[in-house]
Amino acid sequence: MQTLQTIPIFRIFDLPKARAFYLDFLGFKLDWEHRFDDKGPLYMQISRPGLTLHLSEHHGDGCPGSTIFVRVTGLAEYHAEINAKGYGYMRPGLEETFHNSRCMEVIDPFGNRIRFDESHEPPSNDS
């Protein structure tokens, strides 16, 4: 077996809040949306280069309060970019970690967390 891609699923409960957080604040783009009918729960895919997420209103998809860990480069620039937007509900900081990296954690309106982590060590070719 070869893994081609891993896509975390976050549970959401309010579409306007999810759009404001993920699209407007974090700068993801909307790839697609799906509903089985006009009154059905929404399932959508959003992405940034190298990171794809599924957001779901479906009962049982994801557990509110989940956390994903994302290794990145250019974290200080991304931090400056999102904080310059003046999002009223979050202004994440940068933190030096015990494992020789810099981390920024964001928490969506539903309690889900994304930990963006940038190592101070050069990336290895062992992946």
N, C-alpha and C. Protein backbone atom coordinates (compact mmCIF):
# COMPACT_ATOMS: atom_id res chain seq x y z
N MET A 1 0.83 -1.18 0.00
CA MET A 1 0.00 0.00 0.00
C MET A 1 0.88 1.24 0.00
N GLN A 2 0.45 2.25 -0.71
CA GLN A 2 1.12 3.55 -0.71
C GLN A 2 0.09 4.61 -0.38
N THR A 3 0.39 5.42 0.62
CA THR A 3 -0.51 6.52 0.97
C THR A 3 -0.30 7.67 0.00
N LEU A 4 -1.37 8.14 -0.61
CA LEU A 4 -1.28 9.23 -1.58
C LEU A 4 -1.57 10.59 -0.95
N GLN A 5 -2.49 10.61 0.00
CA GLN A 5 -2.82 11.88 0.66
C GLN A 5 -3.62 11.57 1.92
N THR A 6 -3.44 12.38 2.93
CA THR A 6 -4.24 12.31 4.15
C THR A 6 -5.03 13.60 4.25
N ILE A 7 -6.35 13.49 4.45
CA ILE A 7 -7.20 14.67 4.54
C ILE A 7 -7.99 14.62 5.84
N PRO A 8 -7.62 15.43 6.83
CA PRO A 8 -8.39 15.47 8.07
C PRO A 8 -9.79 16.03 7.83
N ILE A 9 -10.74 15.57 8.64
CA ILE A 9 -12.12 16.07 8.61
C ILE A 9 -12.39 16.79 9.93
N PHE A 10 -12.82 18.05 9.84
CA PHE A 10 -13.23 18.81 11.02
C PHE A 10 -14.75 18.99 10.98
N ARG A 11 -15.37 18.81 12.13
CA ARG A 11 -16.81 19.04 12.26
C ARG A 11 -17.05 20.53 12.43
N ILE A 12 -18.03 21.05 11.69
CA ILE A 12 -18.43 22.46 11.80
C ILE A 12 -19.93 22.52 12.09
N PHE A 13 -20.37 23.65 12.66
CA PHE A 13 -21.77 23.80 13.02
C PHE A 13 -22.41 25.06 12.47
N ASP A 14 -21.62 25.95 11.89
CA ASP A 14 -22.13 27.24 11.42
C ASP A 14 -21.34 27.63 10.18
N LEU A 15 -21.99 27.56 9.02
CA LEU A 15 -21.28 27.79 7.76
C LEU A 15 -20.69 29.20 7.65
N PRO A 16 -21.42 30.27 7.98
CA PRO A 16 -20.80 31.61 7.88
C PRO A 16 -19.56 31.76 8.78
N LYS A 17 -19.59 31.19 9.98
CA LYS A 17 -18.42 31.26 10.85
C LYS A 17 -17.26 30.44 10.29
N ALA A 18 -17.56 29.28 9.72
CA ALA A 18 -16.52 28.45 9.12
C ALA A 18 -15.88 29.17 7.93
N ARG A 19 -16.70 29.78 7.09
CA ARG A 19 -16.16 30.53 5.93
C ARG A 19 -15.29 31.70 6.39
N ALA A 20 -15.76 32.45 7.38
CA ALA A 20 -15.00 33.60 7.88
C ALA A 20 -13.65 33.16 8.43
N PHE A 21 -13.62 32.05 9.14
CA PHE A 21 -12.39 31.57 9.75
C PHE A 21 -11.44 30.97 8.72
N TYR A 22 -11.91 29.97 7.99
CA TYR A 22 -11.02 29.23 7.10
C TYR A 22 -10.69 29.95 5.80
N LEU A 23 -11.68 30.57 5.17
CA LEU A 23 -11.44 31.21 3.89
C LEU A 23 -10.92 32.64 4.05
N ASP A 24 -11.62 33.44 4.85
CA ASP A 24 -11.23 34.85 4.98
C ASP A 24 -9.99 35.03 5.85
N PHE A 25 -9.96 34.41 7.03
CA PHE A 25 -8.86 34.60 7.97
C PHE A 25 -7.63 33.77 7.59
N LEU A 26 -7.79 32.45 7.47
CA LEU A 26 -6.63 31.59 7.21
C LEU A 26 -6.22 31.54 5.74
N GLY A 27 -7.07 32.01 4.86
CA GLY A 27 -6.68 32.09 3.45
C GLY A 27 -6.78 30.79 2.67
N PHE A 28 -7.59 29.85 3.14
CA PHE A 28 -7.85 28.64 2.35
C PHE A 28 -8.74 29.02 1.17
N LYS A 29 -8.73 28.20 0.14
CA LYS A 29 -9.66 28.40 -0.97
C LYS A 29 -10.69 27.27 -0.93
N LEU A 30 -11.89 27.60 -1.36
CA LEU A 30 -12.95 26.61 -1.44
C LEU A 30 -12.75 25.78 -2.70
N ASP A 31 -12.61 24.46 -2.54
CA ASP A 31 -12.46 23.57 -3.70
C ASP A 31 -13.81 23.08 -4.20
N TRP A 32 -14.66 22.64 -3.27
CA TRP A 32 -16.00 22.19 -3.64
C TRP A 32 -16.87 22.05 -2.39
N GLU A 33 -18.18 22.03 -2.62
CA GLU A 33 -19.18 21.82 -1.57
C GLU A 33 -20.15 20.75 -2.05
N HIS A 34 -20.74 20.01 -1.09
CA HIS A 34 -21.75 19.01 -1.45
C HIS A 34 -22.83 18.93 -0.38
N ARG A 35 -24.07 18.86 -0.84
CA ARG A 35 -25.24 18.55 0.00
C ARG A 35 -26.05 17.51 -0.76
N PHE A 36 -26.64 16.56 -0.03
CA PHE A 36 -27.49 15.59 -0.69
C PHE A 36 -28.80 16.21 -1.15
N ASP A 37 -29.26 17.25 -0.44
CA ASP A 37 -30.45 18.00 -0.83
C ASP A 37 -30.37 19.38 -0.20
N ASP A 38 -31.34 20.24 -0.48
CA ASP A 38 -31.30 21.63 -0.01
C ASP A 38 -31.27 21.78 1.51
N LYS A 39 -31.80 20.82 2.22
CA LYS A 39 -31.83 20.90 3.69
C LYS A 39 -30.79 20.01 4.35
N GLY A 40 -30.01 19.33 3.56
CA GLY A 40 -29.02 18.41 4.09
C GLY A 40 -27.79 19.13 4.61
N PRO A 41 -27.01 18.44 5.45
CA PRO A 41 -25.79 19.04 5.97
C PRO A 41 -24.75 19.22 4.87
N LEU A 42 -23.91 20.20 5.04
CA LEU A 42 -22.88 20.53 4.06
C LEU A 42 -21.61 19.73 4.33
N TYR A 43 -20.96 19.33 3.25
CA TYR A 43 -19.63 18.72 3.29
C TYR A 43 -18.82 19.48 2.26
N MET A 44 -17.64 19.98 2.66
CA MET A 44 -16.86 20.80 1.74
C MET A 44 -15.38 20.51 1.85
N GLN A 45 -14.67 20.82 0.76
CA GLN A 45 -13.22 20.70 0.77
C GLN A 45 -12.62 22.08 0.59
N ILE A 46 -11.60 22.39 1.43
CA ILE A 46 -10.86 23.63 1.34
C ILE A 46 -9.38 23.28 1.27
N SER A 47 -8.57 24.21 0.75
CA SER A 47 -7.14 23.88 0.66
C SER A 47 -6.29 25.13 0.61
N ARG A 48 -5.04 24.93 0.98
CA ARG A 48 -3.91 25.84 0.78
C ARG A 48 -2.82 24.95 0.19
N PRO A 49 -1.80 25.51 -0.42
CA PRO A 49 -0.76 24.65 -0.96
C PRO A 49 -0.21 23.67 0.09
N GLY A 50 -0.32 22.38 -0.21
CA GLY A 50 0.20 21.34 0.67
C GLY A 50 -0.73 20.91 1.79
N LEU A 51 -1.91 21.54 1.93
CA LEU A 51 -2.83 21.20 3.02
C LEU A 51 -4.26 21.21 2.52
N THR A 52 -4.93 20.09 2.63
CA THR A 52 -6.34 19.96 2.26
C THR A 52 -7.11 19.54 3.49
N LEU A 53 -8.25 20.17 3.71
CA LEU A 53 -9.14 19.82 4.83
C LEU A 53 -10.55 19.59 4.31
N HIS A 54 -11.26 18.69 4.97
CA HIS A 54 -12.69 18.54 4.75
C HIS A 54 -13.40 19.10 5.97
N LEU A 55 -14.42 19.90 5.74
CA LEU A 55 -15.26 20.47 6.79
C LEU A 55 -16.65 19.88 6.63
N SER A 56 -17.23 19.40 7.71
CA SER A 56 -18.48 18.67 7.61
C SER A 56 -19.49 19.09 8.67
N GLU A 57 -20.73 19.26 8.24
CA GLU A 57 -21.84 19.45 9.17
C GLU A 57 -22.51 18.12 9.52
N HIS A 58 -22.06 17.02 8.93
CA HIS A 58 -22.67 15.71 9.14
C HIS A 58 -22.40 15.21 10.56
N HIS A 59 -23.46 14.74 11.22
CA HIS A 59 -23.32 14.12 12.53
C HIS A 59 -22.41 12.91 12.41
N GLY A 60 -21.43 12.81 13.27
CA GLY A 60 -20.52 11.68 13.26
C GLY A 60 -19.25 11.89 12.46
N ASP A 61 -19.19 12.96 11.68
CA ASP A 61 -17.96 13.26 10.95
C ASP A 61 -17.07 14.13 11.82
N GLY A 62 -16.00 13.58 12.28
CA GLY A 62 -15.09 14.33 13.13
C GLY A 62 -15.67 14.54 14.52
N CYS A 63 -14.81 14.88 15.42
CA CYS A 63 -15.19 15.13 16.81
C CYS A 63 -14.80 16.56 17.13
N PRO A 64 -15.73 17.42 17.50
CA PRO A 64 -15.36 18.80 17.84
C PRO A 64 -14.23 18.81 18.88
N GLY A 65 -13.28 19.68 18.67
CA GLY A 65 -12.14 19.74 19.57
C GLY A 65 -10.96 18.94 19.09
N SER A 66 -10.96 18.49 17.85
CA SER A 66 -9.84 17.73 17.30
C SER A 66 -8.66 18.65 17.02
N THR A 67 -7.47 18.06 16.92
CA THR A 67 -6.25 18.80 16.63
C THR A 67 -5.51 18.10 15.50
N ILE A 68 -4.99 18.90 14.56
CA ILE A 68 -4.08 18.37 13.55
C ILE A 68 -2.76 19.12 13.67
N PHE A 69 -1.69 18.44 13.34
CA PHE A 69 -0.32 18.97 13.41
C PHE A 69 0.19 19.06 11.98
N VAL A 70 0.62 20.26 11.57
CA VAL A 70 1.01 20.50 10.18
C VAL A 70 2.43 21.07 10.17
N ARG A 71 3.35 20.37 9.53
CA ARG A 71 4.72 20.87 9.37
C ARG A 71 4.75 21.84 8.20
N VAL A 72 5.36 23.00 8.42
CA VAL A 72 5.38 24.05 7.40
C VAL A 72 6.76 24.71 7.33
N THR A 73 6.93 25.53 6.32
CA THR A 73 8.02 26.49 6.24
C THR A 73 7.37 27.84 6.02
N GLY A 74 8.07 28.91 6.35
CA GLY A 74 7.53 30.25 6.17
C GLY A 74 6.48 30.64 7.20
N LEU A 75 6.59 30.08 8.41
CA LEU A 75 5.57 30.32 9.43
C LEU A 75 5.50 31.78 9.87
N ALA A 76 6.62 32.44 10.04
CA ALA A 76 6.60 33.84 10.48
C ALA A 76 5.87 34.71 9.46
N GLU A 77 6.08 34.45 8.18
CA GLU A 77 5.39 35.21 7.14
C GLU A 77 3.89 34.95 7.16
N TYR A 78 3.50 33.68 7.32
CA TYR A 78 2.08 33.34 7.39
C TYR A 78 1.44 33.97 8.62
N HIS A 79 2.14 33.93 9.74
CA HIS A 79 1.67 34.55 10.98
C HIS A 79 1.39 36.03 10.75
N ALA A 80 2.33 36.73 10.13
CA ALA A 80 2.15 38.16 9.86
C ALA A 80 0.97 38.39 8.91
N GLU A 81 0.85 37.54 7.90
CA GLU A 81 -0.24 37.66 6.92
C GLU A 81 -1.61 37.57 7.57
N ILE A 82 -1.83 36.54 8.39
CA ILE A 82 -3.17 36.37 8.96
C ILE A 82 -3.44 37.40 10.06
N ASN A 83 -2.43 37.75 10.86
CA ASN A 83 -2.67 38.74 11.90
C ASN A 83 -2.94 40.13 11.33
N ALA A 84 -2.43 40.42 10.14
CA ALA A 84 -2.68 41.71 9.50
C ALA A 84 -4.15 41.86 9.07
N LYS A 85 -4.88 40.75 9.01
CA LYS A 85 -6.27 40.80 8.59
C LYS A 85 -7.20 41.35 9.66
N GLY A 86 -6.74 41.38 10.91
CA GLY A 86 -7.57 41.92 11.98
C GLY A 86 -8.80 41.09 12.31
N TYR A 87 -8.70 39.78 12.20
CA TYR A 87 -9.80 38.89 12.56
C TYR A 87 -10.13 39.11 14.03
N GLY A 88 -11.38 39.39 14.34
CA GLY A 88 -11.77 39.81 15.68
C GLY A 88 -11.80 38.74 16.74
N TYR A 89 -11.66 37.47 16.37
CA TYR A 89 -11.83 36.40 17.35
C TYR A 89 -10.55 35.66 17.68
N MET A 90 -9.44 36.00 17.00
CA MET A 90 -8.20 35.29 17.28
C MET A 90 -7.02 36.08 16.74
N ARG A 91 -6.00 36.15 17.55
CA ARG A 91 -4.71 36.71 17.14
C ARG A 91 -3.63 35.77 17.64
N PRO A 92 -3.34 34.72 16.87
CA PRO A 92 -2.39 33.72 17.35
C PRO A 92 -0.98 34.28 17.46
N GLY A 93 -0.23 33.71 18.39
CA GLY A 93 1.17 34.07 18.56
C GLY A 93 2.07 32.98 18.02
N LEU A 94 3.34 33.25 18.05
CA LEU A 94 4.36 32.27 17.70
C LEU A 94 5.04 31.82 18.98
N GLU A 95 5.28 30.54 19.11
CA GLU A 95 5.87 29.99 20.32
C GLU A 95 7.06 29.11 19.96
N GLU A 96 8.15 29.25 20.70
CA GLU A 96 9.29 28.34 20.55
C GLU A 96 8.97 27.09 21.36
N THR A 97 9.17 25.93 20.75
CA THR A 97 8.80 24.68 21.42
C THR A 97 10.02 23.98 21.99
N PHE A 98 9.77 22.95 22.76
CA PHE A 98 10.83 22.17 23.38
C PHE A 98 11.55 21.29 22.37
N HIS A 99 10.97 21.10 21.19
CA HIS A 99 11.59 20.21 20.20
C HIS A 99 12.21 20.99 19.03
N ASN A 100 12.77 22.17 19.35
CA ASN A 100 13.55 22.97 18.41
C ASN A 100 12.75 23.41 17.19
N SER A 101 11.57 23.93 17.45
CA SER A 101 10.75 24.44 16.36
C SER A 101 9.96 25.65 16.85
N ARG A 102 9.31 26.28 15.91
CA ARG A 102 8.40 27.40 16.18
C ARG A 102 7.00 26.90 15.84
N CYS A 103 6.02 27.27 16.66
CA CYS A 103 4.66 26.76 16.50
C CYS A 103 3.65 27.91 16.58
N MET A 104 2.61 27.80 15.77
CA MET A 104 1.46 28.70 15.87
C MET A 104 0.21 27.83 15.88
N GLU A 105 -0.61 28.01 16.89
CA GLU A 105 -1.85 27.23 16.97
C GLU A 105 -3.03 28.15 16.75
N VAL A 106 -3.95 27.71 15.88
CA VAL A 106 -5.20 28.43 15.67
C VAL A 106 -6.34 27.52 16.08
N ILE A 107 -7.39 28.12 16.62
CA ILE A 107 -8.56 27.37 17.08
C ILE A 107 -9.77 27.90 16.35
N ASP A 108 -10.47 27.03 15.64
CA ASP A 108 -11.64 27.47 14.88
C ASP A 108 -12.83 27.71 15.80
N PRO A 109 -13.92 28.27 15.29
CA PRO A 109 -15.08 28.57 16.14
C PRO A 109 -15.75 27.34 16.75
N PHE A 110 -15.31 26.14 16.38
CA PHE A 110 -15.93 24.90 16.85
C PHE A 110 -15.00 24.11 17.76
N GLY A 111 -13.86 24.71 18.12
CA GLY A 111 -12.92 24.08 19.05
C GLY A 111 -11.85 23.23 18.39
N ASN A 112 -11.85 23.13 17.07
CA ASN A 112 -10.82 22.37 16.36
C ASN A 112 -9.54 23.20 16.29
N ARG A 113 -8.41 22.52 16.37
CA ARG A 113 -7.11 23.21 16.40
C ARG A 113 -6.23 22.76 15.25
N ILE A 114 -5.50 23.73 14.69
CA ILE A 114 -4.44 23.43 13.74
C ILE A 114 -3.16 23.95 14.36
N ARG A 115 -2.18 23.06 14.54
CA ARG A 115 -0.86 23.45 15.03
C ARG A 115 0.09 23.47 13.84
N PHE A 116 0.46 24.67 13.44
CA PHE A 116 1.44 24.84 12.38
C PHE A 116 2.81 24.84 13.03
N ASP A 117 3.71 23.99 12.56
CA ASP A 117 5.01 23.81 13.20
C ASP A 117 6.12 23.92 12.16
N GLU A 118 7.10 24.77 12.47
CA GLU A 118 8.25 24.94 11.58
C GLU A 118 9.51 24.60 12.35
N SER A 119 10.21 23.57 11.89
CA SER A 119 11.44 23.13 12.54
C SER A 119 12.56 24.13 12.28
N HIS A 120 13.43 24.29 13.27
CA HIS A 120 14.62 25.09 13.08
C HIS A 120 15.72 24.30 12.38
N GLU A 121 15.53 22.98 12.29
CA GLU A 121 16.49 22.10 11.60
C GLU A 121 16.10 22.04 10.13
N PRO A 122 17.09 21.92 9.26
CA PRO A 122 16.73 21.75 7.83
C PRO A 122 15.96 20.46 7.63
N PRO A 123 15.00 20.44 6.68
CA PRO A 123 14.23 19.21 6.45
C PRO A 123 15.15 18.08 5.98
N SER A 124 14.85 16.87 6.44
CA SER A 124 15.64 15.71 6.02
C SER A 124 15.02 15.10 4.78
N ASN A 125 15.77 14.31 4.09
CA ASN A 125 15.27 13.62 2.91
C ASN A 125 14.77 12.21 3.23
N ASP A 126 14.54 11.93 4.53
CA ASP A 126 14.14 10.61 4.97
C ASP A 126 12.64 10.36 4.86
N SER A 127 11.85 11.35 4.46
CA SER A 127 10.38 11.23 4.46
C SER A 127 9.88 10.20 3.51
